[in-house]
C-alpha cells in the first residue's frame, strides 16, 4: 500500500470517529460504530489502533486539536503585526470553538469525559503553541532583554486560557479584543511607548 493510502485509511477512520462522536457522544461511540461509519472492518481499526477504542478516542481528540491549530495558524499568518495576529487568532478561535459541533456536543453532555481525553493532549498542545509563539515573537519588535521562550510560554498559556474561558471579555468584539491584547498580552512584551 502506498504512503498516501496509509494516511488516507487512518484519516478515514479518524473522520468516522469524529462523525460518530458528534452523533452519539464519547461514551456511546463504539469501535463497531466507527468501523461502520468508515466502511471498514473492526479488524482494520485494530490494525491502526491496537489499543482499541481508548486509543482511537485519544488520537481522535489529538487529531481534531491539531486540525484546529492548523486552521488557527493559517488565519494568524494572514496578519503582519503581532497585535493583529493575536487579535485575529482570538476572534477566529473563539468563533471556531463555538461553531465546533463535536466540541459543543461533548461539552454539553460529557464535559468530564472530554476533559479527561483533552488532558492527554495538553503537553503536545502546550509545546505546539509555545513553539508557534516563539516563531511569531521572532518577527516582532520586543522589549529589550525579553526572554523570548518565557514570553512565548506566557502568550501560549494566556491564549489557550482565553479561548477556553473568555471571562468578562467579548471575544466577538474586535475592538474589545484589541484592548485585551494590548493590556493583557503585550504590555510587558512590546517596547515601551515613548513618553510624550
Foldseek 3Di string as FASTA:
>chain_A
DDPVVVVVLLVLLLVLQLVQCLVPNLVPDALVSSCVSSVHDSVVVCVVVVVHSVSSVLVSLLVVVVVLVVVLCVQLVVDDAPLVSLLSSLLVLLVCCVPRSNNVVCCVPPVVVVVVSVVVNVVVQLVVQLVVQLVNLVNHAWAPPDDSSVLSSVLSVVSVVCSVPVPPFDSNDSVSSSVCCCPPNPVHTHHDDDDD
